[in-house]
C-alpha atoms as a PDB file:
ATOM      1  CA  MET A   1     -47.899  -0.736  35.639  1.00  0.00           C
ATOM      2  CA  VAL A   2     -44.861   0.856  36.354  1.00  0.00           C
ATOM      3  CA  GLN A   3     -43.559   3.585  33.905  1.00  0.00           C
ATOM      4  CA  GLU A   4     -40.193   2.713  32.483  1.00  0.00           C
ATOM      5  CA  ASP A   5     -37.912   4.907  32.450  1.00  0.00           C
ATOM      6  CA  ALA A   6     -36.563   6.631  29.837  1.00  0.00           C
ATOM      7  CA  ALA A   7     -32.953   6.993  30.667  1.00  0.00           C
ATOM      8  CA  ASP A   8     -32.681   3.293  31.353  1.00  0.00           C
ATOM      9  CA  ARG A   9     -33.793   2.397  27.554  1.00  0.00           C
ATOM     10  CA  PRO A  10     -30.944   1.605  25.234  1.00  0.00           C
ATOM     11  CA  VAL A  11     -30.368   4.118  22.395  1.00  0.00           C
ATOM     12  CA  GLU A  12     -30.008   2.789  19.203  1.00  0.00           C
ATOM     13  CA  SER A  13     -27.047   4.763  17.451  1.00  0.00           C
ATOM     14  CA  ALA A  14     -27.077   5.091  13.842  1.00  0.00           C
ATOM     15  CA  SER A  15     -25.532   2.378  11.509  1.00  0.00           C
ATOM     16  CA  PRO A  16     -21.554   2.626  11.292  1.00  0.00           C
ATOM     17  CA  ARG A  17     -20.515   4.015   8.265  1.00  0.00           C
ATOM     18  CA  PRO A  18     -18.371   1.578   6.047  1.00  0.00           C
ATOM     19  CA  VAL A  19     -14.951   1.292   6.344  1.00  0.00           C
ATOM     20  CA  LEU A  20     -12.060   1.531   3.383  1.00  0.00           C
ATOM     21  CA  LEU A  21      -9.259  -1.026   4.623  1.00  0.00           C
ATOM     22  CA  VAL A  22      -6.499   0.279   3.141  1.00  0.00           C
ATOM     23  CA  ILE A  23      -3.319  -2.098   3.473  1.00  0.00           C
ATOM     24  CA  ALA A  24      -0.398  -0.343   1.842  1.00  0.00           C
ATOM     25  CA  ASP A  25       3.178   1.060   1.437  1.00  0.00           C
ATOM     26  CA  SER A  26       4.844   4.350   2.342  1.00  0.00           C
ATOM     27  CA  LEU A  27       3.178   5.841  -0.864  1.00  0.00           C
ATOM     28  CA  ALA A  28      -0.105   5.908   0.774  1.00  0.00           C
ATOM     29  CA  TYR A  29       1.135   8.095   3.653  1.00  0.00           C
ATOM     30  CA  TYR A  30       4.533  10.047   2.413  1.00  0.00           C
ATOM     31  CA  GLY A  31       3.953  13.531   0.882  1.00  0.00           C
ATOM     32  CA  PRO A  32       6.335  15.714  -1.025  1.00  0.00           C
ATOM     33  CA  LYS A  33       8.403  16.554   2.380  1.00  0.00           C
ATOM     34  CA  GLY A  34       7.828  13.079   4.167  1.00  0.00           C
ATOM     35  CA  GLY A  35       5.544  10.774   6.005  1.00  0.00           C
ATOM     36  CA  LEU A  36       2.757  11.976   7.618  1.00  0.00           C
ATOM     37  CA  PRO A  37       0.133  11.008  10.256  1.00  0.00           C
ATOM     38  CA  ALA A  38      -2.862   8.521   9.004  1.00  0.00           C
ATOM     39  CA  ASP A  39      -5.400  10.995   9.585  1.00  0.00           C
ATOM     40  CA  ASP A  40      -3.996  13.849   7.515  1.00  0.00           C
ATOM     41  CA  PRO A  41      -6.403  14.975   4.969  1.00  0.00           C
ATOM     42  CA  ARG A  42      -4.194  15.246   1.821  1.00  0.00           C
ATOM     43  CA  ILE A  43      -3.444  11.694   1.281  1.00  0.00           C
ATOM     44  CA  TRP A  44      -5.100   9.576  -0.773  1.00  0.00           C
ATOM     45  CA  PRO A  45      -6.949   7.155   1.266  1.00  0.00           C
ATOM     46  CA  ASN A  46      -8.513   9.527   3.285  1.00  0.00           C
ATOM     47  CA  MET A  47      -9.329  11.680   0.161  1.00  0.00           C
ATOM     48  CA  VAL A  48     -11.190   8.395  -1.187  1.00  0.00           C
ATOM     49  CA  ALA A  49     -12.648   7.964   2.022  1.00  0.00           C
ATOM     50  CA  ALA A  50     -14.251  11.507   2.341  1.00  0.00           C
ATOM     51  CA  GLU A  51     -15.523  11.040  -1.238  1.00  0.00           C
ATOM     52  CA  LEU A  52     -17.327   7.984  -0.419  1.00  0.00           C
ATOM     53  CA  ASP A  53     -18.482   9.106   2.940  1.00  0.00           C
ATOM     54  CA  TRP A  54     -16.725   6.196   4.497  1.00  0.00           C
ATOM     55  CA  ASP A  55     -14.254   5.923   7.566  1.00  0.00           C
ATOM     56  CA  VAL A  56     -10.729   4.400   6.850  1.00  0.00           C
ATOM     57  CA  GLU A  57      -8.150   2.214   8.423  1.00  0.00           C
ATOM     58  CA  LEU A  58      -5.023   2.526   6.805  1.00  0.00           C
ATOM     59  CA  ILE A  59      -2.460  -0.445   7.763  1.00  0.00           C
ATOM     60  CA  ALA A  60       0.552   0.554   6.242  1.00  0.00           C
ATOM     61  CA  ARG A  61       4.718   0.964   6.662  1.00  0.00           C
ATOM     62  CA  ILE A  62       7.332   2.026   4.747  1.00  0.00           C
ATOM     63  CA  GLY A  63       9.285  -0.952   2.408  1.00  0.00           C
ATOM     64  CA  TRP A  64       6.079  -3.081   2.286  1.00  0.00           C
ATOM     65  CA  THR A  65       5.509  -5.538  -0.027  1.00  0.00           C
ATOM     66  CA  CYS A  66       2.720  -7.895  -0.881  1.00  0.00           C
ATOM     67  CA  ARG A  67       4.189 -10.209   1.627  1.00  0.00           C
ATOM     68  CA  ASP A  68       4.053  -7.997   4.223  1.00  0.00           C
ATOM     69  CA  ALA A  69       0.718  -7.408   3.303  1.00  0.00           C
ATOM     70  CA  TYR A  70      -0.719 -10.788   3.623  1.00  0.00           C
ATOM     71  CA  TRP A  71       1.629 -10.882   7.271  1.00  0.00           C
ATOM     72  CA  ALA A  72      -0.389  -7.717   8.082  1.00  0.00           C
ATOM     73  CA  LEU A  73      -3.903  -9.265   7.066  1.00  0.00           C
ATOM     74  CA  ILE A  74      -3.506 -12.552   9.127  1.00  0.00           C
ATOM     75  CA  GLY A  75      -1.754 -10.695  12.038  1.00  0.00           C
ATOM     76  CA  ASP A  76      -2.931  -7.362  12.902  1.00  0.00           C
ATOM     77  CA  PRO A  77      -5.834  -7.224  15.185  1.00  0.00           C
ATOM     78  CA  ARG A  78      -6.650  -3.788  13.556  1.00  0.00           C
ATOM     79  CA  VAL A  79      -7.219  -5.419  10.550  1.00  0.00           C
ATOM     80  CA  TRP A  80      -9.599  -8.022  11.881  1.00  0.00           C
ATOM     81  CA  ALA A  81     -11.750  -5.366  13.526  1.00  0.00           C
ATOM     82  CA  ALA A  82     -11.887  -3.500  10.084  1.00  0.00           C
ATOM     83  CA  VAL A  83     -12.916  -6.138   7.761  1.00  0.00           C
ATOM     84  CA  PRO A  84     -16.177  -6.994   9.348  1.00  0.00           C
ATOM     85  CA  ARG A  85     -17.101  -3.280   9.046  1.00  0.00           C
ATOM     86  CA  ALA A  86     -15.447  -2.896   5.651  1.00  0.00           C
ATOM     87  CA  GLY A  87     -16.913  -1.378   2.651  1.00  0.00           C
ATOM     88  CA  ALA A  88     -13.961  -2.247   0.534  1.00  0.00           C
ATOM     89  CA  VAL A  89     -10.130  -3.814   1.147  1.00  0.00           C
ATOM     90  CA  VAL A  90      -7.322  -1.915  -0.998  1.00  0.00           C
ATOM     91  CA  PHE A  91      -4.130  -3.629  -1.498  1.00  0.00           C
ATOM     92  CA  ALA A  92      -1.733  -1.065  -2.377  1.00  0.00           C
ATOM     93  CA  VAL A  93       1.330  -2.580  -2.229  1.00  0.00           C
ATOM     94  CA  GLY A  94       3.443  -4.298  -4.986  1.00  0.00           C
ATOM     95  CA  GLY A  95       5.913  -1.151  -6.063  1.00  0.00           C
ATOM     96  CA  MET A  96       8.567  -2.238  -3.359  1.00  0.00           C
ATOM     97  CA  ASP A  97       8.505  -5.831  -4.777  1.00  0.00           C
ATOM     98  CA  THR A  98       9.219  -4.999  -8.694  1.00  0.00           C
ATOM     99  CA  LEU A  99      12.369  -2.215  -7.150  1.00  0.00           C
ATOM    100  CA  PRO A 100      16.033  -3.965  -7.774  1.00  0.00           C
ATOM    101  CA  SER A 101      17.397  -5.217  -4.389  1.00  0.00           C
ATOM    102  CA  PRO A 102      20.791  -6.783  -5.587  1.00  0.00           C
ATOM    103  CA  LEU A 103      21.499  -7.110  -1.753  1.00  0.00           C
ATOM    104  CA  PRO A 104      19.171  -9.243   0.229  1.00  0.00           C
ATOM    105  CA  THR A 105      15.909  -7.413   1.376  1.00  0.00           C
ATOM    106  CA  ALA A 106      16.504  -9.536   4.674  1.00  0.00           C
ATOM    107  CA  LEU A 107      19.662  -7.771   4.998  1.00  0.00           C
ATOM    108  CA  ARG A 108      18.183  -4.176   5.074  1.00  0.00           C
ATOM    109  CA  GLU A 109      15.560  -5.558   7.376  1.00  0.00           C
ATOM    110  CA  LEU A 110      18.118  -6.688   9.886  1.00  0.00           C
ATOM    111  CA  ILE A 111      20.544  -3.794   9.966  1.00  0.00           C
ATOM    112  CA  ARG A 112      18.538  -2.008  12.645  1.00  0.00           C
ATOM    113  CA  TYR A 113      19.239  -5.047  14.913  1.00  0.00           C
ATOM    114  CA  ILE A 114      23.088  -4.948  14.936  1.00  0.00           C
ATOM    115  CA  ARG A 115      25.035  -4.406  17.949  1.00  0.00           C
ATOM    116  CA  PRO A 116      26.933  -2.086  18.491  1.00  0.00           C
ATOM    117  CA  PRO A 117      25.682   0.958  17.498  1.00  0.00           C
ATOM    118  CA  ARG A 118      29.011   1.790  15.899  1.00  0.00           C
ATOM    119  CA  LEU A 119      28.769  -1.273  13.785  1.00  0.00           C
ATOM    120  CA  ARG A 120      25.376  -0.931  13.011  1.00  0.00           C
ATOM    121  CA  ARG A 121      26.068   2.662  11.267  1.00  0.00           C
ATOM    122  CA  GLY A 122      28.952   1.372   9.505  1.00  0.00           C
ATOM    123  CA  VAL A 123      27.214  -1.809   7.768  1.00  0.00           C
ATOM    124  CA  ARG A 124      24.054   0.957   7.086  1.00  0.00           C
ATOM    125  CA  ALA A 125      26.266   3.377   5.472  1.00  0.00           C
ATOM    126  CA  SER A 126      27.944   0.440   3.044  1.00  0.00           C
ATOM    127  CA  TYR A 127      24.465  -0.934   2.263  1.00  0.00           C
ATOM    128  CA  ASN A 128      23.361   2.689   1.491  1.00  0.00           C
ATOM    129  CA  TRP A 129      26.466   2.953  -0.543  1.00  0.00           C
ATOM    130  CA  LEU A 130      26.331  -0.180  -2.453  1.00  0.00           C
ATOM    131  CA  GLN A 131      22.597  -0.107  -3.096  1.00  0.00           C
ATOM    132  CA  PRO A 132      22.213   2.529  -5.893  1.00  0.00           C
ATOM    133  CA  LYS A 133      25.587   1.314  -7.560  1.00  0.00           C
ATOM    134  CA  LEU A 134      24.543  -2.441  -7.996  1.00  0.00           C
ATOM    135  CA  SER A 135      20.447  -1.448  -8.490  1.00  0.00           C
ATOM    136  CA  LYS A 136      22.123  -0.552 -11.939  1.00  0.00           C
ATOM    137  CA  LEU A 137      22.085  -4.388 -13.018  1.00  0.00           C
ATOM    138  CA  GLY A 138      18.104  -4.069 -12.263  1.00  0.00           C
ATOM    139  CA  ARG A 139      17.921  -7.396 -10.855  1.00  0.00           C
ATOM    140  CA  PRO A 140      17.172  -9.158  -8.950  1.00  0.00           C
ATOM    141  CA  VAL A 141      13.879  -7.817  -7.550  1.00  0.00           C
ATOM    142  CA  ALA A 142      12.780  -7.418  -4.095  1.00  0.00           C
ATOM    143  CA  LEU A 143      10.038 -10.188  -4.863  1.00  0.00           C
ATOM    144  CA  PRO A 144       9.342 -12.270  -8.104  1.00  0.00           C
ATOM    145  CA  PRO A 145       6.022 -11.512  -9.602  1.00  0.00           C
ATOM    146  CA  ARG A 146       4.988 -14.749  -9.240  1.00  0.00           C
ATOM    147  CA  VAL A 147       5.613 -14.476  -5.379  1.00  0.00           C
ATOM    148  CA  SER A 148       3.937 -10.762  -4.962  1.00  0.00           C
ATOM    149  CA  VAL A 149       0.629 -12.408  -7.079  1.00  0.00           C
ATOM    150  CA  ASP A 150       0.645 -15.991  -5.094  1.00  0.00           C
ATOM    151  CA  TYR A 151       0.522 -13.432  -1.620  1.00  0.00           C
ATOM    152  CA  LEU A 152      -2.186 -11.382  -3.178  1.00  0.00           C
ATOM    153  CA  GLU A 153      -4.122 -14.637  -4.304  1.00  0.00           C
ATOM    154  CA  GLN A 154      -3.395 -15.835  -0.726  1.00  0.00           C
ATOM    155  CA  SER A 155      -4.983 -12.567   0.975  1.00  0.00           C
ATOM    156  CA  ARG A 156      -8.055 -12.493  -1.376  1.00  0.00           C
ATOM    157  CA  GLU A 157      -8.848 -15.798  -0.442  1.00  0.00           C
ATOM    158  CA  ALA A 158      -8.821 -15.351   3.177  1.00  0.00           C
ATOM    159  CA  LEU A 159     -11.007 -12.076   2.378  1.00  0.00           C
ATOM    160  CA  ALA A 160     -13.539 -14.161   0.221  1.00  0.00           C
ATOM    161  CA  HIS A 161     -13.561 -16.827   2.912  1.00  0.00           C
ATOM    162  CA  LEU A 162     -14.780 -14.946   5.917  1.00  0.00           C
ATOM    163  CA  ARG A 163     -16.857 -12.241   3.540  1.00  0.00           C
ATOM    164  CA  PRO A 164     -17.470 -13.421  -0.012  1.00  0.00           C
ATOM    165  CA  GLU A 165     -19.174 -10.082  -0.964  1.00  0.00           C
ATOM    166  CA  LEU A 166     -16.553  -7.847   0.393  1.00  0.00           C
ATOM    167  CA  PRO A 167     -14.734  -5.897  -2.942  1.00  0.00           C
ATOM    168  CA  VAL A 168     -11.203  -6.385  -2.986  1.00  0.00           C
ATOM    169  CA  VAL A 169      -8.855  -3.771  -5.113  1.00  0.00           C
ATOM    170  CA  ALA A 170      -5.432  -4.126  -6.264  1.00  0.00           C
ATOM    171  CA  VAL A 171      -2.680  -1.862  -7.936  1.00  0.00           C
ATOM    172  CA  LEU A 172      -0.129  -1.621 -10.676  1.00  0.00           C
ATOM    173  CA  PRO A 173       2.877  -0.425  -9.508  1.00  0.00           C
ATOM    174  CA  SER A 174       4.200   3.297  -9.401  1.00  0.00           C
ATOM    175  CA  VAL A 175       6.976   4.838 -11.177  1.00  0.00           C
ATOM    176  CA  HIS A 176       9.751   6.659  -9.708  1.00  0.00           C
ATOM    177  CA  LYS A 177      13.224   8.194 -10.502  1.00  0.00           C
ATOM    178  CA  CYS A 178      14.807   7.521  -7.923  1.00  0.00           C
ATOM    179  CA  ASP A 179      18.615   7.676  -7.194  1.00  0.00           C
ATOM    180  CA  ALA A 180      18.824   4.822  -4.305  1.00  0.00           C
ATOM    181  CA  TYR A 181      17.597   2.455  -6.851  1.00  0.00           C
ATOM    182  CA  GLY A 182      19.566   3.644  -9.603  1.00  0.00           C
ATOM    183  CA  ARG A 183      16.873   4.985 -11.535  1.00  0.00           C
ATOM    184  CA  VAL A 184      16.166   1.718 -12.761  1.00  0.00           C
ATOM    185  CA  HIS A 185      12.621   0.030 -12.807  1.00  0.00           C
ATOM    186  CA  ARG A 186      13.282  -2.777 -14.944  1.00  0.00           C
ATOM    187  CA  GLY A 187      11.011  -4.884 -12.880  1.00  0.00           C
ATOM    188  CA  ARG A 188       8.044  -3.109 -13.218  1.00  0.00           C
ATOM    189  CA  ALA A 189       6.747  -4.576 -17.110  1.00  0.00           C
ATOM    190  CA  ARG A 190       7.025  -8.156 -15.753  1.00  0.00           C
ATOM    191  CA  ALA A 191       5.115  -7.214 -12.204  1.00  0.00           C
ATOM    192  CA  VAL A 192       2.291  -5.574 -14.494  1.00  0.00           C
ATOM    193  CA  LYS A 193       2.262  -8.698 -16.921  1.00  0.00           C
ATOM    194  CA  ALA A 194       1.606 -10.853 -13.926  1.00  0.00           C
ATOM    195  CA  LEU A 195      -0.957  -8.839 -12.217  1.00  0.00           C
ATOM    196  CA  GLN A 196      -3.130  -8.333 -15.096  1.00  0.00           C
ATOM    197  CA  ALA A 197      -3.158 -11.905 -15.648  1.00  0.00           C
ATOM    198  CA  TRP A 198      -4.211 -12.258 -12.081  1.00  0.00           C
ATOM    199  CA  SER A 199      -7.033  -9.857 -12.289  1.00  0.00           C
ATOM    200  CA  GLY A 200      -7.989 -11.145 -15.466  1.00  0.00           C
ATOM    201  CA  LYS A 201      -8.898 -14.910 -13.660  1.00  0.00           C
ATOM    202  CA  THR A 202      -9.991 -13.326 -10.228  1.00  0.00           C
ATOM    203  CA  SER A 203     -11.892  -9.836 -11.475  1.00  0.00           C
ATOM    204  CA  VAL A 204      -9.734  -7.948  -9.329  1.00  0.00           C
ATOM    205  CA  PRO A 205     -10.105  -4.490 -10.100  1.00  0.00           C
ATOM    206  CA  LEU A 206      -6.322  -2.659 -10.623  1.00  0.00           C
ATOM    207  CA  VAL A 207      -5.704   0.784 -10.353  1.00  0.00           C
ATOM    208  CA  ASP A 208      -2.519   2.010 -12.277  1.00  0.00           C
ATOM    209  CA  LEU A 209      -0.418   4.044 -10.104  1.00  0.00           C
ATOM    210  CA  GLY A 210       1.992   4.586 -12.508  1.00  0.00           C
ATOM    211  CA  ALA A 211      -0.330   5.990 -15.091  1.00  0.00           C
ATOM    212  CA  ALA A 212      -1.866   8.073 -12.449  1.00  0.00           C
ATOM    213  CA  VAL A 213       1.266   9.657 -10.913  1.00  0.00           C
ATOM    214  CA  ARG A 214       3.890   9.789 -14.059  1.00  0.00           C
ATOM    215  CA  ASP A 215       3.485  13.584 -14.664  1.00  0.00           C
ATOM    216  CA  ASP A 216       3.689  14.192 -11.087  1.00  0.00           C
ATOM    217  CA  ILE A 217       7.018  12.654 -10.525  1.00  0.00           C
ATOM    218  CA  GLU A 218       8.020  14.606 -13.613  1.00  0.00           C
ATOM    219  CA  SER A 219       6.894  17.509 -12.508  1.00  0.00           C
ATOM    220  CA  GLY A 220       9.472  18.321  -9.884  1.00  0.00           C
ATOM    221  CA  SER A 221       6.915  18.919  -7.208  1.00  0.00           C
ATOM    222  CA  ALA A 222       7.128  15.346  -5.967  1.00  0.00           C
ATOM    223  CA  ASN A 223       8.902  14.339  -3.010  1.00  0.00           C
ATOM    224  CA  PRO A 224      12.787  14.848  -3.704  1.00  0.00           C
ATOM    225  CA  ASP A 225      13.849  11.375  -2.992  1.00  0.00           C
ATOM    226  CA  GLY A 226      12.082  10.553  -6.289  1.00  0.00           C
ATOM    227  CA  ILE A 227       9.653   7.817  -5.399  1.00  0.00           C
ATOM    228  CA  HIS A 228       6.882   9.206  -3.034  1.00  0.00           C
ATOM    229  CA  TRP A 229       4.739  12.007  -4.399  1.00  0.00           C
ATOM    230  CA  GLY A 230       3.714  15.369  -4.391  1.00  0.00           C
ATOM    231  CA  TRP A 231      -0.238  16.252  -3.506  1.00  0.00           C
ATOM    232  CA  ALA A 232      -1.340  16.244  -7.464  1.00  0.00           C
ATOM    233  CA  GLY A 233      -0.070  12.530  -7.359  1.00  0.00           C
ATOM    234  CA  HIS A 234      -2.064  12.008  -4.146  1.00  0.00           C
ATOM    235  CA  ALA A 235      -5.305  13.423  -5.712  1.00  0.00           C
ATOM    236  CA  ALA A 236      -4.813  11.319  -9.360  1.00  0.00           C
ATOM    237  CA  VAL A 237      -4.383   8.370  -7.423  1.00  0.00           C
ATOM    238  CA  ALA A 238      -7.742   9.076  -5.464  1.00  0.00           C
ATOM    239  CA  THR A 239      -9.664  10.092  -8.154  1.00  0.00           C
ATOM    240  CA  ALA A 240      -8.754   6.846 -10.133  1.00  0.00           C
ATOM    241  CA  MET A 241      -9.229   4.529  -6.578  1.00  0.00           C
ATOM    242  CA  THR A 242     -12.777   6.203  -6.107  1.00  0.00           C
ATOM    243  CA  LYS A 243     -13.608   5.666  -9.538  1.00  0.00           C
ATOM    244  CA  ALA A 244     -12.537   1.893  -9.300  1.00  0.00           C
ATOM    245  CA  LEU A 245     -14.228   1.244  -5.910  1.00  0.00           C
ATOM    246  CA  GLN A 246     -17.613   3.006  -7.268  1.00  0.00           C
ATOM    247  CA  GLU A 247     -18.013   0.627 -10.203  1.00  0.00           C
ATOM    248  CA  VAL A 248     -17.397  -2.505  -7.592  1.00  0.00           C
ATOM    249  CA  ARG A 249     -19.395  -1.147  -4.748  1.00  0.00           C
END
């Protein structure tokens, strides 16, 4: 018999660590001075993953709503790659949905495509001038609560079809004192009520971002824009999220 060369034998690798898949808006990666890389250890998704000894896949963008999270779930190949290894999925969206949007959200998204540049700058300046003034009306919001919940439910159902045992966690909206939105947040209460009703039907745990970051937002240590958090806010959210994930694992 010919002895098998040890170098030709396949090496069994250790089992990969679970992935914490986070689909989020900019609150997941903005700090007190602006946006940060996805691997910054100070943002809450990485703090949670470190506590759980998991890897993390952060899929996020500024301004994302529950609708955008659903589109990312069904259209982003990074999500498709992460789902088979996921230990849990967190939908950290919904806060943007509750903000006053008296000018159509589609208008804001389309400004970047306006040509020529001079016209684009003029439209953007007009939008930025009108938005805080009209926001004091408090309505309409970017997405009605029933629409936000519908997108979350479609997302949950899609994941349940692929991996019925996969834990899913969502959030209640954060709080803000943002001048760009007139420091108005009348849509939050209705959204909280709708999300809690959905959670009661589906047993999806909800982490209350508002409760976690309210002190940080009021402290003066958060981002000067009045909507993104400081490091204390990220730490508080990480603590609350870790607790929720440990309870559903």
